[in-house]
Structure formats: C-alpha cells, structure tokens
C-alpha cells in the first residue's frame, strides 16, 4: 500500500453534496493548507449509499469520488443514534428528512417517536452522533477513522448554527445545543472532530501550525 499522506498545497475532494458538511470539513482542513473542493463543485455523481454501517457508506463515497476525480477524496458518513429508538435513525439520518432532506421534518419525526415511547427525561432521551471519515486514493487505497459524541435531545430545537439534527442535540457537560454553539466550540468536541483528529495524526503533515479538531 502506498503511503497515504497529504501535505500543504495538496488538493483533496470532499466527497459530499451536503453544503453544511462540506463547510465543516473545509473549516477543519483549513489549518493544514490542503486545498479542498467539493464533489458538488466538480459535478461528481452521488453514489447510492448501500452500506449497512457508517464506515461502509463513507468508504464507498470516498472511493467513488477518488476514482472519478483522480484526486484523493475524503468522505464523511455520519448520523444520530438515539438509545430509546434502538439506534435509529442511524445510517438513515438524512433519509428521515425525506427526498428533500428536510431536517426540520426529521427532527419532528424523532421527537414524535420519542413521545410515543414516553421518553420525556434527559436520561430517556440519550443519543450520540457518530462520524466515519474515509480517505481514499485514486488507486483504491483507503483508511477509515471513527468518532462519537454523546449527549441528550431537547425539544423544541434551539439555535441556527450547524446543520442536520444539531439544534436538538446537547452534548454531555453542556447546556447549549450544537445549534446554539459557535462553530469553533462545536469543532472542538464533535464526533467529526474526534474522527478528524485520528485522520490528522495518520494522514496530514501538521508540524508547523498544530492541529484542529472538530461534529452531524
């Protein structure tokens, strides 16, 4: 397997068509001098997410983007797992918003299903975000890094920062939702940040400026 390292000035495809996710990954990459371009900007097709885990879906998206672009590609597959809903929506987190990926509707569905189960206390509404990050090279080499952040869900949603289910998720030890936090605060603790920290150590040349970390 070829050494999978990225240095300042290298180009990287962010294998996502989700503007919020692309923005977060670009913010995480910025301190390392890697030039990121989104799959959407390159008009790359979106592969069907047929995997049964976050890691499997991240891998198929990264490999497809790397092969189509001829550049290294970084993909994130992430979602919300709610204990009282037996881990749902999980890998189907975006699909709970329907064809339009309407996360207001997705959050309302989560709340409705929690209410049906009588989950009305923070302990009964425990949840976590999971992020799987895959870096893939055009030749097919790839590696995946996973991070999680735990907390509980609130209703109604609060805040307009972030994206996805952020406005209803309060991380452990905090009173604010991810939707209320400034991006830098979220980036310091999120599921995506934790996966990204593993990616940094394995793949990025970060000696000069130190690191960034970051998580929906």
C-alpha atoms as a PDB file:
ATOM      1  CA  UNK A   1       0.000   0.000   0.000  1.00  0.00           C
ATOM      2  CA  UNK A   2       1.318   3.424  -0.923  1.00  0.00           C
ATOM      3  CA  UNK A   3       1.929   5.868   1.912  1.00  0.00           C
ATOM      4  CA  UNK A   4      -1.243   7.876   2.325  1.00  0.00           C
ATOM      5  CA  UNK A   5      -0.098  11.330   3.372  1.00  0.00           C
ATOM      6  CA  UNK A   6      -1.219  14.836   2.448  1.00  0.00           C
ATOM      7  CA  UNK A   7       0.988  17.929   2.596  1.00  0.00           C
ATOM      8  CA  UNK A   8       0.353  21.678   2.301  1.00  0.00           C
ATOM      9  CA  UNK A   9      -0.748  22.604  -1.190  1.00  0.00           C
ATOM     10  CA  UNK A  10      -2.163  19.174  -1.998  1.00  0.00           C
ATOM     11  CA  UNK A  11      -5.684  19.025  -3.442  1.00  0.00           C
ATOM     12  CA  UNK A  12      -8.454  16.973  -1.890  1.00  0.00           C
ATOM     13  CA  UNK A  13     -12.053  16.254  -2.887  1.00  0.00           C
ATOM     14  CA  UNK A  14     -14.630  16.468  -0.114  1.00  0.00           C
ATOM     15  CA  UNK A  15     -16.923  13.665  -1.247  1.00  0.00           C
ATOM     16  CA  UNK A  16     -20.209  15.234  -0.248  1.00  0.00           C
ATOM     17  CA  UNK A  17     -23.053  17.242  -1.795  1.00  0.00           C
ATOM     18  CA  UNK A  18     -24.223  18.433   1.650  1.00  0.00           C
ATOM     19  CA  UNK A  19     -23.235  22.124   1.947  1.00  0.00           C
ATOM     20  CA  UNK A  20     -23.185  22.073   5.752  1.00  0.00           C
ATOM     21  CA  UNK A  21     -20.965  19.023   5.909  1.00  0.00           C
ATOM     22  CA  UNK A  22     -18.643  20.384   3.197  1.00  0.00           C
ATOM     23  CA  UNK A  23     -18.307  23.662   5.107  1.00  0.00           C
ATOM     24  CA  UNK A  24     -17.395  21.900   8.361  1.00  0.00           C
ATOM     25  CA  UNK A  25     -14.797  19.690   6.672  1.00  0.00           C
ATOM     26  CA  UNK A  26     -13.290  22.680   4.844  1.00  0.00           C
ATOM     27  CA  UNK A  27     -13.023  24.528   8.177  1.00  0.00           C
ATOM     28  CA  UNK A  28     -11.275  21.536   9.716  1.00  0.00           C
ATOM     29  CA  UNK A  29      -8.832  21.240   6.802  1.00  0.00           C
ATOM     30  CA  UNK A  30      -8.014  24.962   6.636  1.00  0.00           C
ATOM     31  CA  UNK A  31      -5.179  24.984   9.231  1.00  0.00           C
ATOM     32  CA  UNK A  32      -3.291  22.332   7.262  1.00  0.00           C
ATOM     33  CA  UNK A  33      -3.095  24.175   3.941  1.00  0.00           C
ATOM     34  CA  UNK A  34      -4.903  21.460   1.986  1.00  0.00           C
ATOM     35  CA  UNK A  35      -6.950  22.820  -0.926  1.00  0.00           C
ATOM     36  CA  UNK A  36     -10.419  21.279  -0.701  1.00  0.00           C
ATOM     37  CA  UNK A  37     -13.013  21.130  -3.480  1.00  0.00           C
ATOM     38  CA  UNK A  38     -16.439  19.571  -3.055  1.00  0.00           C
ATOM     39  CA  UNK A  39     -17.838  16.720  -5.105  1.00  0.00           C
ATOM     40  CA  UNK A  40     -20.733  19.019  -5.962  1.00  0.00           C
ATOM     41  CA  UNK A  41     -18.425  21.690  -7.365  1.00  0.00           C
ATOM     42  CA  UNK A  42     -16.813  19.049  -9.588  1.00  0.00           C
ATOM     43  CA  UNK A  43     -20.271  17.781 -10.631  1.00  0.00           C
ATOM     44  CA  UNK A  44     -19.402  14.266  -9.486  1.00  0.00           C
ATOM     45  CA  UNK A  45     -22.313  11.814  -9.255  1.00  0.00           C
ATOM     46  CA  UNK A  46     -23.592  10.808  -5.824  1.00  0.00           C
ATOM     47  CA  UNK A  47     -23.197   7.053  -5.351  1.00  0.00           C
ATOM     48  CA  UNK A  48     -26.061   5.134  -3.787  1.00  0.00           C
ATOM     49  CA  UNK A  49     -25.385   4.566  -0.098  1.00  0.00           C
ATOM     50  CA  UNK A  50     -25.889   0.820   0.084  1.00  0.00           C
ATOM     51  CA  UNK A  51     -23.693   0.127   3.129  1.00  0.00           C
ATOM     52  CA  UNK A  52     -25.120  -1.102   6.414  1.00  0.00           C
ATOM     53  CA  UNK A  53     -22.704   0.910   8.590  1.00  0.00           C
ATOM     54  CA  UNK A  54     -21.382   4.472   8.665  1.00  0.00           C
ATOM     55  CA  UNK A  55     -17.914   3.166   7.738  1.00  0.00           C
ATOM     56  CA  UNK A  56     -19.164   1.216   4.733  1.00  0.00           C
ATOM     57  CA  UNK A  57     -21.027   4.216   3.335  1.00  0.00           C
ATOM     58  CA  UNK A  58     -18.070   6.552   3.927  1.00  0.00           C
ATOM     59  CA  UNK A  59     -15.784   4.140   2.107  1.00  0.00           C
ATOM     60  CA  UNK A  60     -17.975   3.751  -0.963  1.00  0.00           C
ATOM     61  CA  UNK A  61     -18.410   7.544  -1.295  1.00  0.00           C
ATOM     62  CA  UNK A  62     -14.696   8.292  -0.895  1.00  0.00           C
ATOM     63  CA  UNK A  63     -13.621   5.560  -3.313  1.00  0.00           C
ATOM     64  CA  UNK A  64     -16.153   6.692  -5.936  1.00  0.00           C
ATOM     65  CA  UNK A  65     -15.040  10.338  -5.696  1.00  0.00           C
ATOM     66  CA  UNK A  66     -11.328   9.454  -5.830  1.00  0.00           C
ATOM     67  CA  UNK A  67     -11.802   7.289  -8.897  1.00  0.00           C
ATOM     68  CA  UNK A  68     -13.996   9.846 -10.672  1.00  0.00           C
ATOM     69  CA  UNK A  69     -11.772  12.857  -9.917  1.00  0.00           C
ATOM     70  CA  UNK A  70      -8.295  11.336  -9.966  1.00  0.00           C
ATOM     71  CA  UNK A  71      -7.633  13.095  -6.633  1.00  0.00           C
ATOM     72  CA  UNK A  72      -7.548  11.924  -3.034  1.00  0.00           C
ATOM     73  CA  UNK A  73     -11.055  12.099  -1.585  1.00  0.00           C
ATOM     74  CA  UNK A  74     -12.322  12.491   1.967  1.00  0.00           C
ATOM     75  CA  UNK A  75     -15.814  11.336   2.798  1.00  0.00           C
ATOM     76  CA  UNK A  76     -17.860  11.535   5.974  1.00  0.00           C
ATOM     77  CA  UNK A  77     -20.850   9.366   6.777  1.00  0.00           C
ATOM     78  CA  UNK A  78     -22.463  10.436   9.983  1.00  0.00           C
ATOM     79  CA  UNK A  79     -25.729  10.395  11.813  1.00  0.00           C
ATOM     80  CA  UNK A  80     -27.731  10.461  15.007  1.00  0.00           C
ATOM     81  CA  UNK A  81     -28.263   7.333  17.092  1.00  0.00           C
ATOM     82  CA  UNK A  82     -30.995   7.521  19.751  1.00  0.00           C
ATOM     83  CA  UNK A  83     -30.953   4.912  22.516  1.00  0.00           C
ATOM     84  CA  UNK A  84     -34.734   4.878  23.036  1.00  0.00           C
ATOM     85  CA  UNK A  85     -35.239   4.346  19.284  1.00  0.00           C
ATOM     86  CA  UNK A  86     -32.887   1.334  19.239  1.00  0.00           C
ATOM     87  CA  UNK A  87     -30.171   3.352  17.497  1.00  0.00           C
ATOM     88  CA  UNK A  88     -32.409   4.938  14.862  1.00  0.00           C
ATOM     89  CA  UNK A  89     -32.234   6.948  12.688  1.00  0.00           C
ATOM     90  CA  UNK A  90     -28.557   5.896  12.445  1.00  0.00           C
ATOM     91  CA  UNK A  91     -27.324   5.456   8.880  1.00  0.00           C
ATOM     92  CA  UNK A  92     -30.743   6.650   7.686  1.00  0.00           C
ATOM     93  CA  UNK A  93     -30.441  10.035   9.441  1.00  0.00           C
ATOM     94  CA  UNK A  94     -30.655  12.076   6.229  1.00  0.00           C
ATOM     95  CA  UNK A  95     -33.415   9.892   4.797  1.00  0.00           C
ATOM     96  CA  UNK A  96     -35.659  10.643   7.765  1.00  0.00           C
ATOM     97  CA  UNK A  97     -35.943  14.097   6.192  1.00  0.00           C
ATOM     98  CA  UNK A  98     -37.479  12.651   3.019  1.00  0.00           C
ATOM     99  CA  UNK A  99     -36.402  13.298  -0.546  1.00  0.00           C
ATOM    100  CA  UNK A 100     -35.775  16.962   0.252  1.00  0.00           C
ATOM    101  CA  UNK A 101     -33.596  16.054   3.275  1.00  0.00           C
ATOM    102  CA  UNK A 102     -35.723  18.398   5.385  1.00  0.00           C
ATOM    103  CA  UNK A 103     -34.151  18.173   8.829  1.00  0.00           C
ATOM    104  CA  UNK A 104     -36.967  20.139  10.441  1.00  0.00           C
ATOM    105  CA  UNK A 105     -39.192  17.225   9.427  1.00  0.00           C
ATOM    106  CA  UNK A 106     -36.553  14.708  10.507  1.00  0.00           C
ATOM    107  CA  UNK A 107     -36.239  16.287  13.958  1.00  0.00           C
ATOM    108  CA  UNK A 108     -40.020  16.346  14.300  1.00  0.00           C
ATOM    109  CA  UNK A 109     -40.132  12.635  13.487  1.00  0.00           C
ATOM    110  CA  UNK A 110     -37.516  11.864  16.131  1.00  0.00           C
ATOM    111  CA  UNK A 111     -39.488  13.864  18.689  1.00  0.00           C
ATOM    112  CA  UNK A 112     -42.756  12.180  17.704  1.00  0.00           C
ATOM    113  CA  UNK A 113     -41.276   8.709  18.088  1.00  0.00           C
ATOM    114  CA  UNK A 114     -39.699   9.598  21.426  1.00  0.00           C
ATOM    115  CA  UNK A 115     -43.054  10.908  22.654  1.00  0.00           C
ATOM    116  CA  UNK A 116     -44.718   7.647  21.596  1.00  0.00           C
ATOM    117  CA  UNK A 117     -42.246   5.820  23.861  1.00  0.00           C
ATOM    118  CA  UNK A 118     -42.794   8.198  26.774  1.00  0.00           C
ATOM    119  CA  UNK A 119     -39.181   9.400  26.629  1.00  0.00           C
ATOM    120  CA  UNK A 120     -39.516  12.717  28.437  1.00  0.00           C
ATOM    121  CA  UNK A 121     -36.407  12.953  30.642  1.00  0.00           C
ATOM    122  CA  UNK A 122     -32.802  13.695  29.586  1.00  0.00           C
ATOM    123  CA  UNK A 123     -31.774  10.173  30.605  1.00  0.00           C
ATOM    124  CA  UNK A 124     -34.546   8.668  28.463  1.00  0.00           C
ATOM    125  CA  UNK A 125     -33.501  10.873  25.554  1.00  0.00           C
ATOM    126  CA  UNK A 126     -29.827   9.898  25.426  1.00  0.00           C
ATOM    127  CA  UNK A 127     -28.295   9.973  21.980  1.00  0.00           C
ATOM    128  CA  UNK A 128     -24.985  10.175  20.188  1.00  0.00           C
ATOM    129  CA  UNK A 129     -23.632  11.382  16.898  1.00  0.00           C
ATOM    130  CA  UNK A 130     -21.241   9.070  15.035  1.00  0.00           C
ATOM    131  CA  UNK A 131     -18.909  10.102  12.219  1.00  0.00           C
ATOM    132  CA  UNK A 132     -16.886   7.797   9.983  1.00  0.00           C
ATOM    133  CA  UNK A 133     -14.249   9.577   7.866  1.00  0.00           C
ATOM    134  CA  UNK A 134     -12.674   7.745   4.943  1.00  0.00           C
ATOM    135  CA  UNK A 135      -9.677   8.984   2.974  1.00  0.00           C
ATOM    136  CA  UNK A 136      -9.295   7.267  -0.395  1.00  0.00           C
ATOM    137  CA  UNK A 137      -6.730   7.471  -3.162  1.00  0.00           C
ATOM    138  CA  UNK A 138      -7.463   7.001  -6.887  1.00  0.00           C
ATOM    139  CA  UNK A 139      -5.605   3.691  -6.838  1.00  0.00           C
ATOM    140  CA  UNK A 140      -8.042   2.251  -4.311  1.00  0.00           C
ATOM    141  CA  UNK A 141      -6.044   2.549  -1.068  1.00  0.00           C
ATOM    142  CA  UNK A 142      -8.203   3.861   1.757  1.00  0.00           C
ATOM    143  CA  UNK A 143      -8.488   4.139   5.538  1.00  0.00           C
ATOM    144  CA  UNK A 144     -11.388   4.975   7.847  1.00  0.00           C
ATOM    145  CA  UNK A 145     -11.465   6.787  11.215  1.00  0.00           C
ATOM    146  CA  UNK A 146     -14.490   6.936  13.538  1.00  0.00           C
ATOM    147  CA  UNK A 147     -15.535   9.344  16.281  1.00  0.00           C
ATOM    148  CA  UNK A 148     -18.557   9.710  18.586  1.00  0.00           C
ATOM    149  CA  UNK A 149     -20.004  12.385  20.865  1.00  0.00           C
ATOM    150  CA  UNK A 150     -22.679  11.629  23.489  1.00  0.00           C
ATOM    151  CA  UNK A 151     -25.461  13.759  24.916  1.00  0.00           C
ATOM    152  CA  UNK A 152     -29.250  14.057  25.014  1.00  0.00           C
ATOM    153  CA  UNK A 153     -32.034  15.508  22.877  1.00  0.00           C
ATOM    154  CA  UNK A 154     -34.218  18.535  23.626  1.00  0.00           C
ATOM    155  CA  UNK A 155     -37.451  19.894  22.197  1.00  0.00           C
ATOM    156  CA  UNK A 156     -38.152  22.334  20.675  1.00  0.00           C
ATOM    157  CA  UNK A 157     -34.948  22.718  18.643  1.00  0.00           C
ATOM    158  CA  UNK A 158     -32.695  25.614  19.648  1.00  0.00           C
ATOM    159  CA  UNK A 159     -30.249  27.644  17.577  1.00  0.00           C
ATOM    160  CA  UNK A 160     -29.458  28.137  13.899  1.00  0.00           C
ATOM    161  CA  UNK A 161     -25.771  27.163  13.817  1.00  0.00           C
ATOM    162  CA  UNK A 162     -24.603  23.859  12.403  1.00  0.00           C
ATOM    163  CA  UNK A 163     -26.921  21.667  10.352  1.00  0.00           C
ATOM    164  CA  UNK A 164     -28.917  18.455  10.496  1.00  0.00           C
ATOM    165  CA  UNK A 165     -30.032  17.463  13.988  1.00  0.00           C
ATOM    166  CA  UNK A 166     -27.683  19.948  15.704  1.00  0.00           C
ATOM    167  CA  UNK A 167     -30.475  22.176  17.127  1.00  0.00           C
ATOM    168  CA  UNK A 168     -31.891  19.345  19.260  1.00  0.00           C
ATOM    169  CA  UNK A 169     -28.616  17.787  20.495  1.00  0.00           C
ATOM    170  CA  UNK A 170     -26.999  18.864  23.778  1.00  0.00           C
ATOM    171  CA  UNK A 171     -23.550  17.310  24.314  1.00  0.00           C
ATOM    172  CA  UNK A 172     -22.619  15.917  27.713  1.00  0.00           C
ATOM    173  CA  UNK A 173     -21.420  18.598  30.133  1.00  0.00           C
ATOM    174  CA  UNK A 174     -23.071  21.492  28.273  1.00  0.00           C
ATOM    175  CA  UNK A 175     -26.406  23.322  28.340  1.00  0.00           C
ATOM    176  CA  UNK A 176     -26.294  24.606  24.760  1.00  0.00           C
ATOM    177  CA  UNK A 177     -27.287  22.603  21.720  1.00  0.00           C
ATOM    178  CA  UNK A 178     -24.868  22.215  18.823  1.00  0.00           C
ATOM    179  CA  UNK A 179     -27.236  24.585  17.024  1.00  0.00           C
ATOM    180  CA  UNK A 180     -26.541  27.299  19.614  1.00  0.00           C
ATOM    181  CA  UNK A 181     -22.764  26.867  19.756  1.00  0.00           C
ATOM    182  CA  UNK A 182     -20.302  28.870  17.738  1.00  0.00           C
ATOM    183  CA  UNK A 183     -18.605  26.654  15.108  1.00  0.00           C
ATOM    184  CA  UNK A 184     -15.225  26.716  16.882  1.00  0.00           C
ATOM    185  CA  UNK A 185     -16.777  25.389  20.085  1.00  0.00           C
ATOM    186  CA  UNK A 186     -18.573  22.596  18.265  1.00  0.00           C
ATOM    187  CA  UNK A 187     -15.449  21.778  16.246  1.00  0.00           C
ATOM    188  CA  UNK A 188     -13.518  21.254  19.481  1.00  0.00           C
ATOM    189  CA  UNK A 189     -15.698  18.371  20.671  1.00  0.00           C
ATOM    190  CA  UNK A 190     -17.865  16.922  17.938  1.00  0.00           C
ATOM    191  CA  UNK A 191     -17.988  13.407  16.534  1.00  0.00           C
ATOM    192  CA  UNK A 192     -16.487  14.697  13.298  1.00  0.00           C
ATOM    193  CA  UNK A 193     -13.725  16.438  15.244  1.00  0.00           C
ATOM    194  CA  UNK A 194     -12.822  13.223  17.003  1.00  0.00           C
ATOM    195  CA  UNK A 195     -12.692  11.253  13.770  1.00  0.00           C
ATOM    196  CA  UNK A 196     -10.781  14.121  12.156  1.00  0.00           C
ATOM    197  CA  UNK A 197      -8.168  14.095  14.927  1.00  0.00           C
ATOM    198  CA  UNK A 198      -7.398  10.462  14.115  1.00  0.00           C
ATOM    199  CA  UNK A 199      -7.246  11.335  10.403  1.00  0.00           C
ATOM    200  CA  UNK A 200      -4.844  14.226  11.121  1.00  0.00           C
ATOM    201  CA  UNK A 201      -2.417  12.017  13.009  1.00  0.00           C
ATOM    202  CA  UNK A 202      -2.439   9.366  10.287  1.00  0.00           C
ATOM    203  CA  UNK A 203      -2.600  11.403   7.081  1.00  0.00           C
ATOM    204  CA  UNK A 204      -1.836  15.116   7.411  1.00  0.00           C
ATOM    205  CA  UNK A 205       1.550  16.786   7.667  1.00  0.00           C
ATOM    206  CA  UNK A 206       0.693  19.156  10.510  1.00  0.00           C
ATOM    207  CA  UNK A 207       4.027  20.018  12.045  1.00  0.00           C
ATOM    208  CA  UNK A 208       4.063  23.778  11.547  1.00  0.00           C
ATOM    209  CA  UNK A 209       0.699  25.052  12.710  1.00  0.00           C
ATOM    210  CA  UNK A 210      -0.555  22.492  15.150  1.00  0.00           C
ATOM    211  CA  UNK A 211      -3.886  20.932  14.758  1.00  0.00           C
ATOM    212  CA  UNK A 212      -7.523  21.381  14.512  1.00  0.00           C
ATOM    213  CA  UNK A 213     -10.033  19.015  15.688  1.00  0.00           C
ATOM    214  CA  UNK A 214     -13.800  19.006  15.402  1.00  0.00           C
ATOM    215  CA  UNK A 215     -19.268  17.047  14.806  1.00  0.00           C
ATOM    216  CA  UNK A 216     -23.996  15.744  12.308  1.00  0.00           C
END
